[in-house]
Structure formats: structure tokens, C-alpha cells
């Protein structure tokens, strides 16, 4: 079976001396993994720039029935993402987001609306020259809308705990350990008011931003047990001091 689809690069895993397994999130088939072989000739090889995390590409694939790894017939750029390879902060941000998505998409579930959200988010980051220190927080929280565990703010309480297991704010301390205290819950509610248009207006200290990110990742691990450890988190957490 042959397939043409838009795709976002999530992960590159070296395999042997001259090959790699590339994981894509595609518009048509969800996650797809492909084997890519490096070659000495630039004419026949795939340009490395096309395989950077969060690159947005057009793929022509041969889907091989019964196999986990498929074959790339042609790959070309769909969008020019100018920060890839040239903007150190955005590069680390791209690695972090791509790793999160790689951990989330374990199967080839198809969701064109979700694909569009991710692609539009990459475009937004591409055109932001400043004021994007909260981008990853907005992205991860808004992503939960598509994954089915966006926090429920239907009820308002003067003092509230955020119950991470049930994704709701409650007036009393939950009977389990996965919750946020009232002060942290207020910060979390503040985060829920942010979007890409207004995120530059919300100021957090470095400590608050790191803490919020750790809480969001914990929230993901509760609802996606296979999410695991994000290896790029250590480097990423050192970026935003403002």
C-alpha cells in the first residue's frame, strides 16, 4: 500500500552504523516508523535537515503489511521552519516537545484535528520572535483537550485542590497523593487561562515555571502510564530564567 501524507518528525533512533529509525506523526495514519539508510551520495540520501525534531514534511510511503517499519519513497519539506538548526532555545524546545509527543503516540491512531493542532502550534512557535517562554506549558495543557483529560473547571471553590487523578478541582483534600495544594492549584488555573495569543502577558519565575512543568508531566504520567521519563527535561529546564 502506498500513502502520501503530511507528517511531523518526532524521533530519530540510530540503528547500526548507517541507518536510523525515524518516527513520524502523520495526518493520515497517526504514528508511523520508517527505516532510513544513510548514503554517501547527497543526491540519493535524505537531507538530515528534513529529519530534525518537529520538521513538517510531505511523505510518500510504502506501507508494508505486517511490519512495524515502513519505507520512505520520497520526503520533502512542507513548511519552512526557520528556527530548526539556527535558534538554540527553540531547538531545545523542539527536542522537548517532540520527545513528549513520541512518548504519547505509541500506536497509529489517526486524528486529523490533533495533527492540525500540532502543526499550527509549530507554525506559531516559528513566527514568535519573543514572548514564548510559556509556549511549552500552553502546548502541553491544550494538548490534553485532544487526549481526553483536560482539567475540568466547571465548579469554582474559594479554596480548591486539583485532583490530578480525576482532573477536577475539589474543595477538600483528595484521598490519594496525586493532587495540588490550593496555592499550586491557583497557579494551574492561571495556566488554563493562557493561550498562544496572551501567553506573553503571564509572568512566572524560573522556579514557578519549572514546578508547573513538573506538575504537568506528572499529570501526563497519571493518565498515560507509558509516558515515562522525558530525557531532554534536564537541559530544557535550564533555559527559561525569566
Protein backbone atom coordinates (compact mmCIF):
# COMPACT_ATOMS: atom_id res chain seq x y z
CA UNK A 1 0.00 0.00 0.00
CA UNK A 2 1.25 3.46 -0.90
CA UNK A 3 0.45 6.60 1.06
CA UNK A 4 1.03 10.32 0.63
CA UNK A 5 0.63 12.33 3.82
CA UNK A 6 1.79 15.35 5.76
CA UNK A 7 3.92 14.38 8.74
CA UNK A 8 5.82 15.75 11.72
CA UNK A 9 9.18 14.30 12.73
CA UNK A 10 9.14 13.06 16.33
CA UNK A 11 12.23 10.96 16.92
CA UNK A 12 15.38 9.57 15.34
CA UNK A 13 16.95 6.38 16.67
CA UNK A 14 20.33 5.33 15.22
CA UNK A 15 20.21 1.71 14.09
CA UNK A 16 23.52 0.15 13.21
CA UNK A 17 26.29 2.10 11.53
CA UNK A 18 24.40 3.55 8.58
CA UNK A 19 20.70 3.54 9.30
CA UNK A 20 18.12 5.11 11.61
CA UNK A 21 14.54 4.52 12.65
CA UNK A 22 12.52 7.71 12.19
CA UNK A 23 9.19 8.15 13.96
CA UNK A 24 6.62 10.45 12.36
CA UNK A 25 3.19 11.63 13.42
CA UNK A 26 1.18 11.70 10.20
CA UNK A 27 -2.09 13.35 9.27
CA UNK A 28 -3.45 10.21 7.60
CA UNK A 29 -2.24 7.29 9.73
CA UNK A 30 -1.10 8.65 13.08
CA UNK A 31 2.33 7.44 14.16
CA UNK A 32 4.42 5.66 11.57
CA UNK A 33 8.00 4.41 11.96
CA UNK A 34 10.35 4.15 8.98
CA UNK A 35 13.82 2.80 8.37
CA UNK A 36 16.15 5.31 6.76
CA UNK A 37 19.52 4.33 5.31
CA UNK A 38 22.31 6.86 5.03
CA UNK A 39 24.26 7.05 1.79
CA UNK A 40 27.48 8.66 0.69
CA UNK A 41 25.93 10.45 -2.26
CA UNK A 42 23.91 13.56 -1.44
CA UNK A 43 21.67 13.03 -4.47
CA UNK A 44 20.31 9.72 -3.24
CA UNK A 45 20.30 10.34 0.50
CA UNK A 46 17.69 12.09 2.63
CA UNK A 47 18.79 15.50 3.81
CA UNK A 48 19.41 15.43 7.56
CA UNK A 49 17.63 18.79 7.96
CA UNK A 50 14.36 17.12 6.96
CA UNK A 51 14.65 14.76 9.92
CA UNK A 52 15.11 17.32 12.69
CA UNK A 53 12.53 17.06 15.52
CA UNK A 54 9.31 18.95 14.64
CA UNK A 55 10.21 19.24 10.96
CA UNK A 56 6.96 19.34 8.97
CA UNK A 57 7.27 17.27 5.80
CA UNK A 58 5.39 15.65 2.95
CA UNK A 59 5.89 11.90 2.84
CA UNK A 60 5.31 9.30 0.18
CA UNK A 61 5.48 5.89 1.83
CA UNK A 62 5.23 2.24 1.07
CA UNK A 63 3.33 0.71 3.98
CA UNK A 64 4.46 -2.88 4.34
CA UNK A 65 1.71 -5.13 5.70
CA UNK A 66 2.63 -6.98 8.87
CA UNK A 67 5.76 -4.93 9.52
CA UNK A 68 6.40 -2.23 12.08
CA UNK A 69 8.92 -0.37 9.89
CA UNK A 70 7.90 1.11 6.56
CA UNK A 71 9.78 2.53 3.58
CA UNK A 72 10.11 6.16 2.57
CA UNK A 73 9.81 6.63 -1.18
CA UNK A 74 10.05 10.42 -1.09
CA UNK A 75 10.29 13.08 1.59
CA UNK A 76 10.24 16.84 1.10
CA UNK A 77 9.67 19.90 3.23
CA UNK A 78 6.06 21.01 3.68
CA UNK A 79 6.79 24.09 5.78
CA UNK A 80 9.94 26.12 6.20
CA UNK A 81 10.66 26.04 9.93
CA UNK A 82 13.39 28.65 10.23
CA UNK A 83 14.37 28.01 13.85
CA UNK A 84 15.44 24.39 13.32
CA UNK A 85 19.22 24.28 13.47
CA UNK A 86 19.58 28.04 13.93
CA UNK A 87 17.86 29.06 17.19
CA UNK A 88 19.41 27.33 20.24
CA UNK A 89 16.46 27.94 22.60
CA UNK A 90 13.79 26.92 20.11
CA UNK A 91 15.88 23.90 19.10
CA UNK A 92 15.90 22.58 22.67
CA UNK A 93 12.19 23.38 22.93
CA UNK A 94 11.57 21.41 19.73
CA UNK A 95 13.50 18.40 21.08
CA UNK A 96 11.48 18.52 24.29
CA UNK A 97 8.07 18.77 22.61
CA UNK A 98 8.97 16.13 20.03
CA UNK A 99 10.06 13.74 22.79
CA UNK A 100 6.79 14.30 24.67
CA UNK A 101 4.81 13.55 21.50
CA UNK A 102 6.94 10.47 20.84
CA UNK A 103 6.09 9.20 24.33
CA UNK A 104 2.39 9.90 23.84
CA UNK A 105 1.87 8.35 20.40
CA UNK A 106 2.71 4.69 20.86
CA UNK A 107 0.14 3.45 18.35
CA UNK A 108 -1.00 4.56 14.92
CA UNK A 109 -4.22 6.27 15.98
CA UNK A 110 -5.46 8.80 13.41
CA UNK A 111 -6.80 12.21 14.45
CA UNK A 112 -6.59 14.92 11.79
CA UNK A 113 -7.79 17.60 14.23
CA UNK A 114 -4.98 16.70 16.61
CA UNK A 115 -2.47 16.70 13.76
CA UNK A 116 -3.65 20.18 12.71
CA UNK A 117 -3.29 21.47 16.27
CA UNK A 118 0.32 20.26 16.46
CA UNK A 119 1.22 21.64 13.04
CA UNK A 120 -0.35 25.03 13.79
CA UNK A 121 1.49 25.12 17.12
CA UNK A 122 4.80 24.59 15.32
CA UNK A 123 3.93 27.42 12.92
CA UNK A 124 3.12 29.67 15.89
CA UNK A 125 6.47 28.92 17.53
CA UNK A 126 8.24 29.51 14.23
CA UNK A 127 6.92 33.07 13.97
CA UNK A 128 7.33 34.04 17.63
CA UNK A 129 10.45 36.16 17.98
CA UNK A 130 9.96 36.70 21.71
CA UNK A 131 7.41 36.12 24.45
CA UNK A 132 7.38 32.33 24.01
CA UNK A 133 8.74 31.30 27.44
CA UNK A 134 5.34 29.80 28.30
CA UNK A 135 4.84 28.11 24.93
CA UNK A 136 5.54 24.57 26.15
CA UNK A 137 3.14 24.98 29.09
CA UNK A 138 0.31 26.15 26.84
CA UNK A 139 1.05 23.42 24.30
CA UNK A 140 1.07 20.57 26.81
CA UNK A 141 -2.08 21.72 28.59
CA UNK A 142 -4.03 22.39 25.39
CA UNK A 143 -2.89 19.02 24.04
CA UNK A 144 -4.82 17.32 26.86
CA UNK A 145 -8.06 18.52 25.21
CA UNK A 146 -7.36 16.09 22.36
CA UNK A 147 -6.09 13.33 24.64
CA UNK A 148 -9.20 13.33 26.82
CA UNK A 149 -8.00 14.60 30.20
CA UNK A 150 -8.20 18.41 30.04
CA UNK A 151 -8.84 19.72 33.60
CA UNK A 152 -12.49 20.41 34.44
CA UNK A 153 -13.11 23.93 35.75
CA UNK A 154 -16.92 23.74 35.82
CA UNK A 155 -17.06 24.22 39.58
CA UNK A 156 -15.39 27.05 41.45
CA UNK A 157 -14.40 26.91 45.11
CA UNK A 158 -12.81 29.64 47.29
CA UNK A 159 -10.14 27.13 48.28
CA UNK A 160 -9.54 24.28 45.87
CA UNK A 161 -7.29 21.28 45.47
CA UNK A 162 -6.60 19.97 41.98
CA UNK A 163 -7.35 16.26 41.91
CA UNK A 164 -4.96 15.02 39.22
CA UNK A 165 -6.45 11.54 39.04
CA UNK A 166 -9.94 12.79 38.17
CA UNK A 167 -8.86 16.05 36.51
CA UNK A 168 -11.12 18.25 38.66
CA UNK A 169 -10.82 20.97 41.29
CA UNK A 170 -12.34 19.98 44.62
CA UNK A 171 -12.89 21.82 47.95
CA UNK A 172 -11.31 19.14 50.15
CA UNK A 173 -8.04 17.22 50.02
CA UNK A 174 -8.39 14.05 47.89
CA UNK A 175 -7.86 10.64 49.48
CA UNK A 176 -4.78 9.94 47.38
CA UNK A 177 -1.36 11.53 46.88
CA UNK A 178 -1.78 12.92 43.34
CA UNK A 179 -3.18 16.39 43.95
CA UNK A 180 -2.07 20.03 44.02
CA UNK A 181 -2.45 22.14 47.15
CA UNK A 182 -4.57 25.32 46.93
CA UNK A 183 -1.62 27.63 46.12
CA UNK A 184 -0.38 25.41 43.29
CA UNK A 185 -3.97 24.89 42.11
CA UNK A 186 -4.36 28.65 41.69
CA UNK A 187 -1.25 28.72 39.50
CA UNK A 188 -2.66 25.81 37.49
CA UNK A 189 -5.94 27.69 37.00
CA UNK A 190 -3.92 30.70 35.85
CA UNK A 191 -2.22 28.47 33.30
CA UNK A 192 -5.62 27.39 31.98
CA UNK A 193 -6.37 31.00 31.02
CA UNK A 194 -3.33 31.17 28.76
CA UNK A 195 -3.24 30.66 25.02
CA UNK A 196 -0.71 31.42 22.29
CA UNK A 197 -2.06 34.95 21.87
CA UNK A 198 -1.83 36.03 25.51
CA UNK A 199 0.89 33.78 26.96
CA UNK A 200 3.45 36.60 26.90
CA UNK A 201 1.33 38.50 29.44
CA UNK A 202 1.68 35.83 32.13
CA UNK A 203 4.82 36.12 34.19
CA UNK A 204 6.29 33.22 36.13
CA UNK A 205 9.56 32.98 37.99
CA UNK A 206 12.04 30.34 36.84
CA UNK A 207 11.14 28.25 39.90
CA UNK A 208 7.41 28.50 39.19
CA UNK A 209 7.85 27.60 35.54
CA UNK A 210 9.94 24.53 36.35
CA UNK A 211 7.47 23.47 39.06
CA UNK A 212 4.47 23.90 36.74
CA UNK A 213 6.16 21.84 34.05
CA UNK A 214 6.95 19.04 36.53
CA UNK A 215 3.30 19.06 37.64
CA UNK A 216 2.02 18.88 34.07
CA UNK A 217 4.36 15.99 33.26
CA UNK A 218 3.19 14.18 36.41
CA UNK A 219 -0.39 14.76 35.25
CA UNK A 220 0.50 13.14 31.92
CA UNK A 221 2.08 10.13 33.64
CA UNK A 222 -1.10 9.55 35.63
CA UNK A 223 -3.26 9.49 32.51
CA UNK A 224 -0.71 7.93 30.13
CA UNK A 225 1.09 5.24 32.17
CA UNK A 226 3.59 4.58 29.35
CA UNK A 227 4.62 8.26 29.17
CA UNK A 228 7.75 7.62 31.21
CA UNK A 229 10.76 9.87 31.72
CA UNK A 230 11.46 12.80 29.39
CA UNK A 231 15.22 12.69 28.92
CA UNK A 232 15.51 16.20 27.46
CA UNK A 233 13.85 17.75 30.53
CA UNK A 234 17.12 18.42 32.37
CA UNK A 235 18.59 20.56 29.60
CA UNK A 236 15.26 22.16 28.81
CA UNK A 237 14.54 23.26 32.39
CA UNK A 238 17.69 25.42 32.43
CA UNK A 239 16.57 27.60 29.52
CA UNK A 240 13.96 29.96 30.88
CA UNK A 241 15.23 32.18 33.65
CA UNK A 242 12.75 34.99 33.12
